[in-house]
Every structure is written in structure tokens, then in C-alpha cells.
């Protein structure tokens, strides 16, 4: 069952959204409905962590505060597989 919804949105945003919807061959109503559906189901969706993934958590120490952690990880892999 569909329900009418009234929104107050900036006119320029509405125009851009209409153009986006048209270019994607959908209606603005369907676009908003899909967005709200994704938004509300995203919070309900919980990821199930398998036991093996849970056991691996924390195995690789990570210092993401370091400016060059990607380079450090690359160096680690280079050393490991060389």
C-alpha cells in the first residue's frame, strides 16, 4: 500500500534529483522510497562473523595512526614473500 508523503526540500535539490531520476529511468518517488528502504534496513542488518574470522581478529597489529601504515604493510609483505 502506498502512502502520500509531503516533504519540504530545496528547489535546486529537487530539480537535480528529478534529472538524476530521469537519467536512471525511475521516478523521484521510487528514488526516495529506495533510499529510505536502504537506510532503514542498513541498521537492522547485522553481519555475522564466522568463528574463523573471529579467531583472526587482531592477528595483524595495526597502527593506523601512523602516517605511512600502508607503506609499512607493503614492506612487511615484501619481506615476508621475498
N, C-alpha and C. Protein backbone atom coordinates (compact mmCIF):
# COMPACT_ATOMS: atom_id res chain seq x y z
N UNK A 1 0.83 -1.18 0.00
CA UNK A 1 0.00 0.00 0.00
C UNK A 1 0.88 1.24 0.00
N UNK A 2 0.62 2.16 -0.87
CA UNK A 2 1.38 3.40 -0.95
C UNK A 2 0.72 4.48 -0.10
N UNK A 3 1.55 5.34 0.48
CA UNK A 3 1.09 6.45 1.29
C UNK A 3 1.70 7.73 0.75
N UNK A 4 0.89 8.78 0.71
CA UNK A 4 1.39 10.06 0.22
C UNK A 4 2.25 10.70 1.31
N UNK A 5 3.37 11.29 0.89
CA UNK A 5 4.31 11.93 1.80
C UNK A 5 4.63 13.31 1.28
N UNK A 6 4.53 14.31 2.14
CA UNK A 6 4.84 15.68 1.74
C UNK A 6 6.16 16.07 2.38
N UNK A 7 7.09 16.56 1.57
CA UNK A 7 8.41 16.97 2.04
C UNK A 7 8.69 18.41 1.64
N UNK A 8 9.47 19.09 2.43
CA UNK A 8 9.97 20.41 2.08
C UNK A 8 11.46 20.27 1.78
N UNK A 9 11.80 20.48 0.52
CA UNK A 9 13.18 20.29 0.07
C UNK A 9 13.57 21.48 -0.80
N UNK A 10 14.82 21.87 -0.71
CA UNK A 10 15.34 22.97 -1.51
C UNK A 10 15.04 22.71 -2.98
N UNK A 11 14.55 23.75 -3.66
CA UNK A 11 14.11 23.62 -5.06
C UNK A 11 15.21 23.13 -5.98
N UNK A 12 16.43 23.62 -5.80
CA UNK A 12 17.52 23.19 -6.68
C UNK A 12 17.86 21.73 -6.48
N UNK A 13 17.72 21.26 -5.26
CA UNK A 13 17.98 19.83 -4.98
C UNK A 13 16.91 18.98 -5.65
N UNK A 14 15.67 19.44 -5.59
CA UNK A 14 14.58 18.71 -6.23
C UNK A 14 14.81 18.61 -7.74
N UNK A 15 15.21 19.71 -8.34
CA UNK A 15 15.46 19.71 -9.79
C UNK A 15 16.59 18.75 -10.16
N UNK A 16 17.66 18.77 -9.37
CA UNK A 16 18.78 17.85 -9.64
C UNK A 16 18.35 16.41 -9.43
N UNK A 17 17.55 16.17 -8.40
CA UNK A 17 17.07 14.81 -8.12
C UNK A 17 16.15 14.32 -9.25
N UNK A 18 15.32 15.21 -9.76
CA UNK A 18 14.45 14.83 -10.88
C UNK A 18 15.28 14.46 -12.11
N UNK A 19 16.30 15.25 -12.38
CA UNK A 19 17.17 14.95 -13.52
C UNK A 19 17.89 13.62 -13.32
N UNK A 20 18.35 13.37 -12.10
CA UNK A 20 19.02 12.10 -11.78
C UNK A 20 18.05 10.93 -11.99
N UNK A 21 16.84 11.08 -11.47
CA UNK A 21 15.84 10.02 -11.59
C UNK A 21 15.53 9.75 -13.06
N UNK A 22 15.37 10.82 -13.83
CA UNK A 22 15.06 10.67 -15.25
C UNK A 22 16.20 9.95 -15.98
N UNK A 23 17.44 10.33 -15.68
CA UNK A 23 18.58 9.70 -16.34
C UNK A 23 18.73 8.23 -15.96
N UNK A 24 18.16 7.85 -14.82
CA UNK A 24 18.21 6.46 -14.38
C UNK A 24 16.88 5.73 -14.61
N UNK A 25 16.02 6.38 -15.40
CA UNK A 25 14.73 5.81 -15.80
C UNK A 25 13.90 5.33 -14.60
N UNK A 26 13.76 6.20 -13.64
CA UNK A 26 12.93 5.91 -12.47
C UNK A 26 12.21 7.20 -12.07
N UNK A 27 11.30 7.09 -11.14
CA UNK A 27 10.60 8.28 -10.66
C UNK A 27 11.29 8.80 -9.40
N UNK A 28 11.04 10.05 -9.12
CA UNK A 28 11.59 10.63 -7.90
C UNK A 28 11.02 9.93 -6.68
N UNK A 29 9.76 9.57 -6.74
CA UNK A 29 9.13 8.85 -5.62
C UNK A 29 9.82 7.51 -5.38
N UNK A 30 10.10 6.79 -6.45
CA UNK A 30 10.77 5.49 -6.31
C UNK A 30 12.20 5.67 -5.79
N UNK A 31 12.85 6.72 -6.24
CA UNK A 31 14.20 7.02 -5.78
C UNK A 31 14.21 7.24 -4.27
N UNK A 32 13.29 8.06 -3.78
CA UNK A 32 13.20 8.34 -2.35
C UNK A 32 12.81 7.07 -1.59
N UNK A 33 11.87 6.31 -2.13
CA UNK A 33 11.45 5.06 -1.48
C UNK A 33 12.62 4.09 -1.35
N UNK A 34 13.39 3.93 -2.41
CA UNK A 34 14.55 3.03 -2.36
C UNK A 34 15.57 3.50 -1.35
N UNK A 35 15.81 4.82 -1.32
CA UNK A 35 16.77 5.36 -0.37
C UNK A 35 16.33 5.10 1.07
N UNK A 36 15.06 5.37 1.35
CA UNK A 36 14.55 5.15 2.71
C UNK A 36 14.58 3.67 3.08
N UNK A 37 14.31 2.82 2.11
CA UNK A 37 14.36 1.38 2.34
C UNK A 37 15.77 0.93 2.70
N UNK A 38 16.75 1.40 1.94
CA UNK A 38 18.14 1.05 2.22
C UNK A 38 18.57 1.60 3.58
N UNK A 39 18.19 2.83 3.85
CA UNK A 39 18.56 3.49 5.10
C UNK A 39 18.01 2.74 6.30
N UNK A 40 16.77 2.34 6.26
CA UNK A 40 16.16 1.67 7.42
C UNK A 40 16.60 0.23 7.56
N UNK A 41 16.89 -0.45 6.47
CA UNK A 41 17.33 -1.84 6.57
C UNK A 41 18.80 -1.97 6.88
N UNK A 42 19.57 -0.94 6.60
CA UNK A 42 21.01 -0.98 6.87
C UNK A 42 21.26 -1.13 8.37
N UNK A 43 20.49 -0.44 9.18
CA UNK A 43 20.67 -0.51 10.62
C UNK A 43 20.24 -1.85 11.18
N UNK A 44 19.22 -2.45 10.57
CA UNK A 44 18.71 -3.73 11.04
C UNK A 44 19.64 -4.89 10.68
N UNK A 45 20.37 -4.70 9.60
CA UNK A 45 21.24 -5.75 9.08
C UNK A 45 22.48 -5.89 9.97
N UNK A 46 22.68 -7.05 10.51
CA UNK A 46 23.87 -7.30 11.31
C UNK A 46 24.72 -8.34 10.60
N UNK A 47 25.98 -8.07 10.58
CA UNK A 47 26.88 -9.02 9.93
C UNK A 47 27.21 -10.15 10.90
N UNK A 48 27.18 -11.34 10.38
CA UNK A 48 27.53 -12.50 11.18
C UNK A 48 29.00 -12.78 10.94
N UNK A 49 29.76 -12.81 12.02
CA UNK A 49 31.18 -13.07 11.93
C UNK A 49 31.40 -14.54 12.21
N UNK A 50 32.00 -15.22 11.26
CA UNK A 50 32.24 -16.65 11.42
C UNK A 50 33.34 -16.87 12.46
N UNK A 51 33.36 -18.03 13.07
CA UNK A 51 34.37 -18.31 14.11
C UNK A 51 35.81 -18.14 13.62
N UNK A 52 36.09 -18.52 12.38
CA UNK A 52 37.47 -18.39 11.89
C UNK A 52 37.87 -16.92 11.75
N UNK A 53 36.94 -16.09 11.29
CA UNK A 53 37.23 -14.66 11.19
C UNK A 53 37.42 -14.07 12.59
N UNK A 54 36.58 -14.49 13.51
CA UNK A 54 36.69 -14.01 14.90
C UNK A 54 38.04 -14.40 15.49
N UNK A 55 38.53 -15.59 15.17
CA UNK A 55 39.81 -16.04 15.71
C UNK A 55 40.98 -15.26 15.12
N UNK A 56 40.80 -14.72 13.91
CA UNK A 56 41.87 -13.97 13.26
C UNK A 56 41.89 -12.49 13.64
N UNK A 57 40.87 -12.03 14.32
CA UNK A 57 40.79 -10.63 14.71
C UNK A 57 41.98 -10.26 15.59
N UNK A 58 42.72 -9.25 15.17
CA UNK A 58 43.84 -8.76 15.95
C UNK A 58 45.16 -9.47 15.67
N UNK A 59 45.18 -10.43 14.74
CA UNK A 59 46.40 -11.16 14.44
C UNK A 59 47.46 -10.22 13.85
N UNK A 60 47.06 -9.36 12.96
CA UNK A 60 47.99 -8.41 12.35
C UNK A 60 47.91 -7.11 13.13
N UNK A 61 48.99 -6.76 13.81
CA UNK A 61 48.96 -5.50 14.54
C UNK A 61 48.84 -4.33 13.57
N UNK A 62 48.03 -3.37 13.93
CA UNK A 62 47.81 -2.25 13.04
C UNK A 62 47.96 -0.95 13.80
N UNK A 63 48.79 -0.09 13.27
CA UNK A 63 48.93 1.25 13.83
C UNK A 63 48.46 2.21 12.76
N UNK A 64 47.13 2.36 12.64
CA UNK A 64 46.58 3.21 11.60
C UNK A 64 46.79 4.68 11.89
N UNK A 65 47.31 5.00 13.07
CA UNK A 65 47.63 6.38 13.38
C UNK A 65 48.92 6.80 12.68
N UNK A 66 49.70 5.81 12.29
CA UNK A 66 50.94 6.09 11.59
C UNK A 66 50.62 6.67 10.22
N UNK A 67 51.39 7.66 9.82
CA UNK A 67 51.18 8.32 8.53
C UNK A 67 51.41 7.36 7.36
N UNK A 68 52.31 6.42 7.52
CA UNK A 68 52.67 5.55 6.39
C UNK A 68 52.38 4.08 6.68
N UNK A 69 51.24 3.80 7.31
CA UNK A 69 50.93 2.41 7.65
C UNK A 69 50.77 1.53 6.42
N UNK A 70 50.30 2.10 5.30
CA UNK A 70 50.17 1.30 4.08
C UNK A 70 51.56 0.90 3.56
N UNK A 71 52.48 1.82 3.62
CA UNK A 71 53.85 1.51 3.19
C UNK A 71 54.47 0.48 4.12
N UNK A 72 54.24 0.61 5.42
CA UNK A 72 54.77 -0.36 6.37
C UNK A 72 54.21 -1.76 6.11
N UNK A 73 52.92 -1.83 5.79
CA UNK A 73 52.31 -3.12 5.49
C UNK A 73 52.87 -3.69 4.19
N UNK A 74 53.06 -2.85 3.19
CA UNK A 74 53.66 -3.27 1.93
C UNK A 74 55.07 -3.82 2.18
N UNK A 75 55.85 -3.10 2.98
CA UNK A 75 57.21 -3.55 3.31
C UNK A 75 57.17 -4.89 4.03
N UNK A 76 56.22 -5.05 4.94
CA UNK A 76 56.07 -6.31 5.66
C UNK A 76 55.80 -7.47 4.70
N UNK A 77 54.86 -7.25 3.76
CA UNK A 77 54.55 -8.29 2.79
C UNK A 77 55.71 -8.56 1.86
N UNK A 78 56.42 -7.52 1.47
CA UNK A 78 57.59 -7.68 0.60
C UNK A 78 58.64 -8.56 1.29
N UNK A 79 58.87 -8.28 2.55
CA UNK A 79 59.86 -9.05 3.33
C UNK A 79 59.39 -10.49 3.51
N UNK A 80 58.11 -10.66 3.80
CA UNK A 80 57.57 -11.98 4.05
C UNK A 80 57.64 -12.88 2.83
N UNK A 81 57.34 -12.34 1.67
CA UNK A 81 57.28 -13.16 0.46
C UNK A 81 58.50 -13.05 -0.45
N UNK A 82 59.55 -12.43 0.02
CA UNK A 82 60.77 -12.33 -0.77
C UNK A 82 61.71 -13.47 -0.49
